[in-house]
Protein backbone atom coordinates (compact mmCIF):
# COMPACT_ATOMS: atom_id res chain seq x y z
CA MET A 1 9.60 12.67 2.97
CA SER A 2 6.52 11.02 4.27
CA LYS A 3 6.31 8.83 7.32
CA LEU A 4 5.69 5.64 5.25
CA LYS A 5 8.75 6.47 2.84
CA VAL A 6 10.99 6.93 6.49
CA GLN A 7 9.83 3.62 7.19
CA LEU A 8 10.51 1.86 3.75
CA HIS A 9 14.13 3.52 4.00
CA ASN A 10 16.24 0.41 4.74
CA LYS A 11 13.84 -2.03 3.54
CA ILE A 12 14.11 -1.43 -0.19
CA PRO A 13 16.82 0.35 -2.54
CA LYS A 14 17.21 4.27 -2.54
CA SER A 15 16.01 4.16 -6.54
CA SER A 16 13.15 2.53 -5.62
CA LEU A 17 12.15 4.31 -2.63
CA GLN A 18 10.97 7.22 -4.97
CA TYR A 19 8.38 5.31 -6.06
CA ALA A 20 7.28 4.12 -2.56
CA PRO A 21 3.18 5.72 -1.75
CA ASN A 22 3.26 9.09 -0.36
CA SER A 23 0.05 7.91 1.20
CA TYR A 24 -3.07 5.55 1.32
CA ASP A 25 -6.43 5.44 2.06
CA VAL A 26 -7.98 4.16 4.99
CA ILE A 27 -11.79 2.99 5.77
CA GLY A 28 -12.28 1.15 8.96
CA SER A 29 -9.43 -1.00 9.80
CA ILE A 30 -8.62 -1.69 6.26
CA ALA A 31 -5.34 0.20 4.04
CA ILE A 32 -5.55 0.71 -0.21
CA ILE A 33 -2.40 1.28 -1.35
CA ASP A 34 -1.55 2.52 -4.78
CA ILE A 35 1.63 0.66 -6.11
CA HIS A 36 3.68 1.60 -8.72
CA PRO A 37 4.52 -1.03 -11.55
CA LYS A 38 8.12 -0.19 -10.81
CA ILE A 39 8.37 -1.05 -6.79
CA LYS A 40 5.95 -4.27 -7.39
CA ARG A 41 8.12 -6.71 -6.20
CA TYR A 42 8.27 -4.96 -2.94
CA GLN A 43 4.82 -4.90 -2.44
CA LYS A 44 4.69 -7.33 0.30
CA VAL A 45 7.15 -5.44 2.31
CA ILE A 46 5.38 -2.25 2.16
CA ALA A 47 2.41 -4.10 3.17
CA ASN A 48 3.98 -5.74 5.96
CA ILE A 49 5.75 -2.25 7.11
CA LEU A 50 2.12 -0.04 7.23
CA LEU A 51 0.38 -3.26 9.29
CA LYS A 52 3.77 -3.10 11.78
CA HIS A 53 3.44 0.79 12.20
CA ASN A 54 -0.12 1.09 12.22
CA LYS A 55 -1.83 -1.13 14.98
CA ASN A 56 -5.51 0.03 13.63
CA ILE A 57 -4.80 -1.52 10.38
CA THR A 58 -5.40 -4.83 10.19
CA THR A 59 -5.61 -5.74 6.21
CA ILE A 60 -3.68 -4.13 3.10
CA LEU A 61 -5.16 -4.00 -0.66
CA LYS A 62 -3.88 -2.81 -3.60
CA LYS A 63 -5.54 -0.59 -6.27
CA ASN A 64 -5.83 -2.84 -9.28
CA SER A 65 -7.85 -0.78 -11.69
CA SER A 66 -9.50 2.63 -12.40
CA ILE A 67 -12.70 3.50 -11.04
CA LYS A 68 -15.48 1.95 -13.52
CA GLY A 69 -19.16 1.76 -13.67
CA THR A 70 -22.37 3.54 -11.99
CA TYR A 71 -21.37 2.35 -8.51
CA ARG A 72 -17.18 3.74 -8.89
CA ILE A 73 -16.01 0.50 -8.33
CA ARG A 74 -12.28 -0.75 -8.55
CA LYS A 75 -10.74 -3.91 -8.37
CA LEU A 76 -8.51 -4.43 -5.41
CA THR A 77 -6.27 -7.51 -4.42
CA PHE A 78 -5.18 -8.53 -0.60
CA LEU A 79 -1.69 -8.16 0.04
CA ALA A 80 -0.99 -8.61 3.77
CA GLY A 81 -3.39 -8.85 7.09
CA LYS A 82 -6.21 -10.27 7.64
CA ARG A 83 -8.81 -11.90 4.76
């Protein structure tokens, strides 16, 4: 079980825990996570847990699309932290 899933253990239902992200990308002080559609309602809880337990992360973004175009850009949505 990943460290994030351990931290989420009492925060989201056990049946939803299997859909929690196992990893996330960190670029500087920004974390980018991929939220499974089945746990979309817990995305703010997951983002706040990441902020609380990772002092070097100040912003959490969610992946909203696949990588597209020549410059390999994807759409992201703000979830928590500094804008």
